[in-house]
Amino acid sequence: MKTELIHERRFETRDEAKGAILRHLMWYNAHRLHSSLDYLSPMHFESLQLTDRKAA
């Protein structure tokens, strides 16, 4: 997050910074692919894990 969002960026207010961080985390968990999760987003990976548990 430091290099993708905050590095060399100034926020006018603390609320502006909180909003930017929240939006980044929502994007990160919903869309960013992770090689350690077989190139799935964290949310997609988690939903597959829950589906597998229900099927077992």
PDB file of N, CA and C in Angstrom:
ATOM      1  N   MET A   1       0.827  -1.182   0.000  1.00  0.00           N
ATOM      2  CA  MET A   1       0.000   0.000   0.000  1.00  0.00           C
ATOM      3  C   MET A   1       0.873   1.249   0.000  1.00  0.00           C
ATOM      4  N   LYS A   2       1.980   1.175   0.682  1.00  0.00           N
ATOM      5  CA  LYS A   2       2.840   2.345   0.774  1.00  0.00           C
ATOM      6  C   LYS A   2       3.299   2.816  -0.601  1.00  0.00           C
ATOM      7  N   THR A   3       3.750   1.898  -1.437  1.00  0.00           N
ATOM      8  CA  THR A   3       4.239   2.312  -2.752  1.00  0.00           C
ATOM      9  C   THR A   3       3.109   2.516  -3.753  1.00  0.00           C
ATOM     10  N   GLU A   4       2.007   1.788  -3.613  1.00  0.00           N
ATOM     11  CA  GLU A   4       0.913   1.896  -4.573  1.00  0.00           C
ATOM     12  C   GLU A   4      -0.005   3.086  -4.307  1.00  0.00           C
ATOM     13  N   LEU A   5      -0.082   3.539  -3.080  1.00  0.00           N
ATOM     14  CA  LEU A   5      -1.076   4.551  -2.747  1.00  0.00           C
ATOM     15  C   LEU A   5      -0.499   5.791  -2.081  1.00  0.00           C
ATOM     16  N   ILE A   6       0.358   5.614  -1.116  1.00  0.00           N
ATOM     17  CA  ILE A   6       0.729   6.719  -0.240  1.00  0.00           C
ATOM     18  C   ILE A   6       2.021   7.423  -0.640  1.00  0.00           C
ATOM     19  N   HIS A   7       2.951   6.710  -1.250  1.00  0.00           N
ATOM     20  CA  HIS A   7       4.270   7.267  -1.557  1.00  0.00           C
ATOM     21  C   HIS A   7       4.153   8.558  -2.374  1.00  0.00           C
ATOM     22  N   GLU A   8       4.755   9.604  -1.877  1.00  0.00           N
ATOM     23  CA  GLU A   8       4.790  10.926  -2.524  1.00  0.00           C
ATOM     24  C   GLU A   8       3.395  11.518  -2.775  1.00  0.00           C
ATOM     25  N   ARG A   9       2.441  11.213  -1.937  1.00  0.00           N
ATOM     26  CA  ARG A   9       1.099  11.783  -2.063  1.00  0.00           C
ATOM     27  C   ARG A   9       0.743  12.492  -0.766  1.00  0.00           C
ATOM     28  N   ARG A  10       0.134  13.646  -0.893  1.00  0.00           N
ATOM     29  CA  ARG A  10      -0.288  14.406   0.272  1.00  0.00           C
ATOM     30  C   ARG A  10      -1.804  14.443   0.317  1.00  0.00           C
ATOM     31  N   PHE A  11      -2.344  14.215   1.486  1.00  0.00           N
ATOM     32  CA  PHE A  11      -3.782  14.278   1.691  1.00  0.00           C
ATOM     33  C   PHE A  11      -4.104  15.566   2.437  1.00  0.00           C
ATOM     34  N   GLU A  12      -5.187  16.196   2.061  1.00  0.00           N
ATOM     35  CA  GLU A  12      -5.598  17.446   2.706  1.00  0.00           C
ATOM     36  C   GLU A  12      -6.046  17.204   4.147  1.00  0.00           C
ATOM     37  N   THR A  13      -6.794  16.113   4.345  1.00  0.00           N
ATOM     38  CA  THR A  13      -7.328  15.821   5.678  1.00  0.00           C
ATOM     39  C   THR A  13      -7.120  14.348   6.013  1.00  0.00           C
ATOM     40  N   ARG A  14      -7.285  14.036   7.263  1.00  0.00           N
ATOM     41  CA  ARG A  14      -7.210  12.647   7.711  1.00  0.00           C
ATOM     42  C   ARG A  14      -8.349  11.832   7.086  1.00  0.00           C
ATOM     43  N   ASP A  15      -9.532  12.434   6.977  1.00  0.00           N
ATOM     44  CA  ASP A  15     -10.667  11.741   6.365  1.00  0.00           C
ATOM     45  C   ASP A  15     -10.403  11.408   4.899  1.00  0.00           C
ATOM     46  N   GLU A  16      -9.739  12.302   4.182  1.00  0.00           N
ATOM     47  CA  GLU A  16      -9.382  12.032   2.789  1.00  0.00           C
ATOM     48  C   GLU A  16      -8.434  10.831   2.712  1.00  0.00           C
ATOM     49  N   ALA A  17      -7.476  10.779   3.610  1.00  0.00           N
ATOM     50  CA  ALA A  17      -6.527   9.663   3.643  1.00  0.00           C
ATOM     51  C   ALA A  17      -7.250   8.361   3.994  1.00  0.00           C
ATOM     52  N   LYS A  18      -8.130   8.400   4.976  1.00  0.00           N
ATOM     53  CA  LYS A  18      -8.879   7.199   5.358  1.00  0.00           C
ATOM     54  C   LYS A  18      -9.722   6.686   4.202  1.00  0.00           C
ATOM     55  N   GLY A  19     -10.371   7.600   3.477  1.00  0.00           N
ATOM     56  CA  GLY A  19     -11.193   7.201   2.339  1.00  0.00           C
ATOM     57  C   GLY A  19     -10.367   6.562   1.244  1.00  0.00           C
ATOM     58  N   ALA A  20      -9.210   7.135   0.954  1.00  0.00           N
ATOM     59  CA  ALA A  20      -8.326   6.592  -0.079  1.00  0.00           C
ATOM     60  C   ALA A  20      -7.820   5.209   0.320  1.00  0.00           C
ATOM     61  N   ILE A  21      -7.473   5.041   1.575  1.00  0.00           N
ATOM     62  CA  ILE A  21      -6.987   3.745   2.057  1.00  0.00           C
ATOM     63  C   ILE A  21      -8.099   2.706   2.000  1.00  0.00           C
ATOM     64  N   LEU A  22      -9.296   3.073   2.407  1.00  0.00           N
ATOM     65  CA  LEU A  22     -10.424   2.142   2.362  1.00  0.00           C
ATOM     66  C   LEU A  22     -10.717   1.706   0.927  1.00  0.00           C
ATOM     67  N   ARG A  23     -10.749   2.654  -0.006  1.00  0.00           N
ATOM     68  CA  ARG A  23     -10.983   2.308  -1.411  1.00  0.00           C
ATOM     69  C   ARG A  23      -9.892   1.383  -1.935  1.00  0.00           C
ATOM     70  N   HIS A  24      -8.647   1.647  -1.547  1.00  0.00           N
ATOM     71  CA  HIS A  24      -7.536   0.799  -1.982  1.00  0.00           C
ATOM     72  C   HIS A  24      -7.690  -0.618  -1.430  1.00  0.00           C
ATOM     73  N   LEU A  25      -8.035  -0.746  -0.172  1.00  0.00           N
ATOM     74  CA  LEU A  25      -8.198  -2.073   0.425  1.00  0.00           C
ATOM     75  C   LEU A  25      -9.359  -2.837  -0.203  1.00  0.00           C
ATOM     76  N   MET A  26     -10.440  -2.141  -0.501  1.00  0.00           N
ATOM     77  CA  MET A  26     -11.578  -2.788  -1.155  1.00  0.00           C
ATOM     78  C   MET A  26     -11.167  -3.303  -2.535  1.00  0.00           C
ATOM     79  N   TRP A  27     -10.447  -2.490  -3.294  1.00  0.00           N
ATOM     80  CA  TRP A  27      -9.954  -2.920  -4.601  1.00  0.00           C
ATOM     81  C   TRP A  27      -8.989  -4.099  -4.448  1.00  0.00           C
ATOM     82  N   TYR A  28      -8.064  -3.979  -3.507  1.00  0.00           N
ATOM     83  CA  TYR A  28      -7.030  -4.992  -3.308  1.00  0.00           C
ATOM     84  C   TYR A  28      -7.658  -6.349  -3.014  1.00  0.00           C
ATOM     85  N   ASN A  29      -8.644  -6.370  -2.132  1.00  0.00           N
ATOM     86  CA  ASN A  29      -9.261  -7.640  -1.745  1.00  0.00           C
ATOM     87  C   ASN A  29     -10.206  -8.189  -2.804  1.00  0.00           C
ATOM     88  N   ALA A  30     -10.813  -7.316  -3.591  1.00  0.00           N
ATOM     89  CA  ALA A  30     -11.799  -7.777  -4.562  1.00  0.00           C
ATOM     90  C   ALA A  30     -11.213  -8.063  -5.944  1.00  0.00           C
ATOM     91  N   HIS A  31     -10.145  -7.376  -6.325  1.00  0.00           N
ATOM     92  CA  HIS A  31      -9.699  -7.456  -7.710  1.00  0.00           C
ATOM     93  C   HIS A  31      -8.244  -7.839  -7.924  1.00  0.00           C
ATOM     94  N   ARG A  32      -7.361  -7.498  -7.012  1.00  0.00           N
ATOM     95  CA  ARG A  32      -5.938  -7.743  -7.267  1.00  0.00           C
ATOM     96  C   ARG A  32      -5.643  -9.236  -7.171  1.00  0.00           C
ATOM     97  N   LEU A  33      -4.979  -9.758  -8.193  1.00  0.00           N
ATOM     98  CA  LEU A  33      -4.664 -11.177  -8.247  1.00  0.00           C
ATOM     99  C   LEU A  33      -3.369 -11.454  -7.486  1.00  0.00           C
ATOM    100  N   HIS A  34      -3.339 -12.590  -6.803  1.00  0.00           N
ATOM    101  CA  HIS A  34      -2.183 -12.964  -5.987  1.00  0.00           C
ATOM    102  C   HIS A  34      -1.634 -14.300  -6.474  1.00  0.00           C
ATOM    103  N   SER A  35      -0.372 -14.331  -6.771  1.00  0.00           N
ATOM    104  CA  SER A  35       0.233 -15.575  -7.243  1.00  0.00           C
ATOM    105  C   SER A  35       0.168 -16.665  -6.175  1.00  0.00           C
ATOM    106  N   SER A  36       0.253 -16.290  -4.913  1.00  0.00           N
ATOM    107  CA  SER A  36       0.202 -17.288  -3.842  1.00  0.00           C
ATOM    108  C   SER A  36      -1.188 -17.892  -3.677  1.00  0.00           C
ATOM    109  N   LEU A  37      -2.205 -17.256  -4.283  1.00  0.00           N
ATOM    110  CA  LEU A  37      -3.575 -17.774  -4.238  1.00  0.00           C
ATOM    111  C   LEU A  37      -3.988 -18.323  -5.599  1.00  0.00           C
ATOM    112  N   ASP A  38      -3.010 -18.814  -6.351  1.00  0.00           N
ATOM    113  CA  ASP A  38      -3.264 -19.363  -7.688  1.00  0.00           C
ATOM    114  C   ASP A  38      -3.888 -18.319  -8.612  1.00  0.00           C
ATOM    115  N   TYR A  39      -3.413 -17.093  -8.493  1.00  0.00           N
ATOM    116  CA  TYR A  39      -3.839 -15.952  -9.313  1.00  0.00           C
ATOM    117  C   TYR A  39      -5.338 -15.660  -9.189  1.00  0.00           C
ATOM    118  N   LEU A  40      -5.809 -15.719  -7.959  1.00  0.00           N
ATOM    119  CA  LEU A  40      -7.174 -15.321  -7.633  1.00  0.00           C
ATOM    120  C   LEU A  40      -7.113 -14.116  -6.720  1.00  0.00           C
ATOM    121  N   SER A  41      -8.197 -13.361  -6.660  1.00  0.00           N
ATOM    122  CA  SER A  41      -8.265 -12.270  -5.688  1.00  0.00           C
ATOM    123  C   SER A  41      -8.533 -12.887  -4.314  1.00  0.00           C
ATOM    124  N   PRO A  42      -8.191 -12.197  -3.233  1.00  0.00           N
ATOM    125  CA  PRO A  42      -8.466 -12.740  -1.903  1.00  0.00           C
ATOM    126  C   PRO A  42      -9.953 -13.059  -1.679  1.00  0.00           C
ATOM    127  N   MET A  43     -10.833 -12.205  -2.169  1.00  0.00           N
ATOM    128  CA  MET A  43     -12.266 -12.452  -1.976  1.00  0.00           C
ATOM    129  C   MET A  43     -12.719 -13.693  -2.753  1.00  0.00           C
ATOM    130  N   HIS A  44     -12.247 -13.853  -3.969  1.00  0.00           N
ATOM    131  CA  HIS A  44     -12.618 -15.021  -4.765  1.00  0.00           C
ATOM    132  C   HIS A  44     -12.057 -16.289  -4.125  1.00  0.00           C
ATOM    133  N   PHE A  45     -10.816 -16.238  -3.691  1.00  0.00           N
ATOM    134  CA  PHE A  45     -10.198 -17.387  -3.029  1.00  0.00           C
ATOM    135  C   PHE A  45     -10.987 -17.781  -1.789  1.00  0.00           C
ATOM    136  N   GLU A  46     -11.364 -16.808  -0.991  1.00  0.00           N
ATOM    137  CA  GLU A  46     -12.120 -17.078   0.229  1.00  0.00           C
ATOM    138  C   GLU A  46     -13.487 -17.676  -0.096  1.00  0.00           C
ATOM    139  N   SER A  47     -14.145 -17.167  -1.110  1.00  0.00           N
ATOM    140  CA  SER A  47     -15.460 -17.709  -1.461  1.00  0.00           C
ATOM    141  C   SER A  47     -15.339 -19.166  -1.926  1.00  0.00           C
ATOM    142  N   LEU A  48     -14.268 -19.505  -2.634  1.00  0.00           N
ATOM    143  CA  LEU A  48     -14.053 -20.895  -3.028  1.00  0.00           C
ATOM    144  C   LEU A  48     -13.798 -21.780  -1.816  1.00  0.00           C
ATOM    145  N   GLN A  49     -13.069 -21.266  -0.837  1.00  0.00           N
ATOM    146  CA  GLN A  49     -12.799 -22.031   0.381  1.00  0.00           C
ATOM    147  C   GLN A  49     -14.093 -22.310   1.137  1.00  0.00           C
ATOM    148  N   LEU A  50     -14.978 -21.308   1.223  1.00  0.00           N
ATOM    149  CA  LEU A  50     -16.241 -21.493   1.914  1.00  0.00           C
ATOM    150  C   LEU A  50     -17.130 -22.483   1.175  1.00  0.00           C
ATOM    151  N   THR A  51     -17.129 -22.428  -0.153  1.00  0.00           N
ATOM    152  CA  THR A  51     -17.909 -23.369  -0.959  1.00  0.00           C
ATOM    153  C   THR A  51     -17.411 -24.793  -0.752  1.00  0.00           C
ATOM    154  N   ASP A  52     -16.095 -24.967  -0.721  1.00  0.00           N
ATOM    155  CA  ASP A  52     -15.509 -26.301  -0.504  1.00  0.00           C
ATOM    156  C   ASP A  52     -15.872 -26.839   0.868  1.00  0.00           C
ATOM    157  N   ARG A  53     -15.893 -25.993   1.875  1.00  0.00           N
ATOM    158  CA  ARG A  53     -16.233 -26.439   3.237  1.00  0.00           C
ATOM    159  C   ARG A  53     -17.679 -26.884   3.319  1.00  0.00           C
ATOM    160  N   LYS A  54     -18.572 -26.162   2.636  1.00  0.00           N
ATOM    161  CA  LYS A  54     -19.996 -26.524   2.652  1.00  0.00           C
ATOM    162  C   LYS A  54     -20.235 -27.839   1.935  1.00  0.00           C
ATOM    163  N   ALA A  55     -19.457 -28.105   0.872  1.00  0.00           N
ATOM    164  CA  ALA A  55     -19.625 -29.335   0.100  1.00  0.00           C
ATOM    165  C   ALA A  55     -19.101 -30.560   0.857  1.00  0.00           C
ATOM    166  N   ALA A  56     -18.184 -30.345   1.781  1.00  0.00           N
ATOM    167  CA  ALA A  56     -17.562 -31.466   2.491  1.00  0.00           C
ATOM    168  C   ALA A  56     -18.451 -32.021   3.577  1.00  0.00           C
TER     169      ALA A  56
END
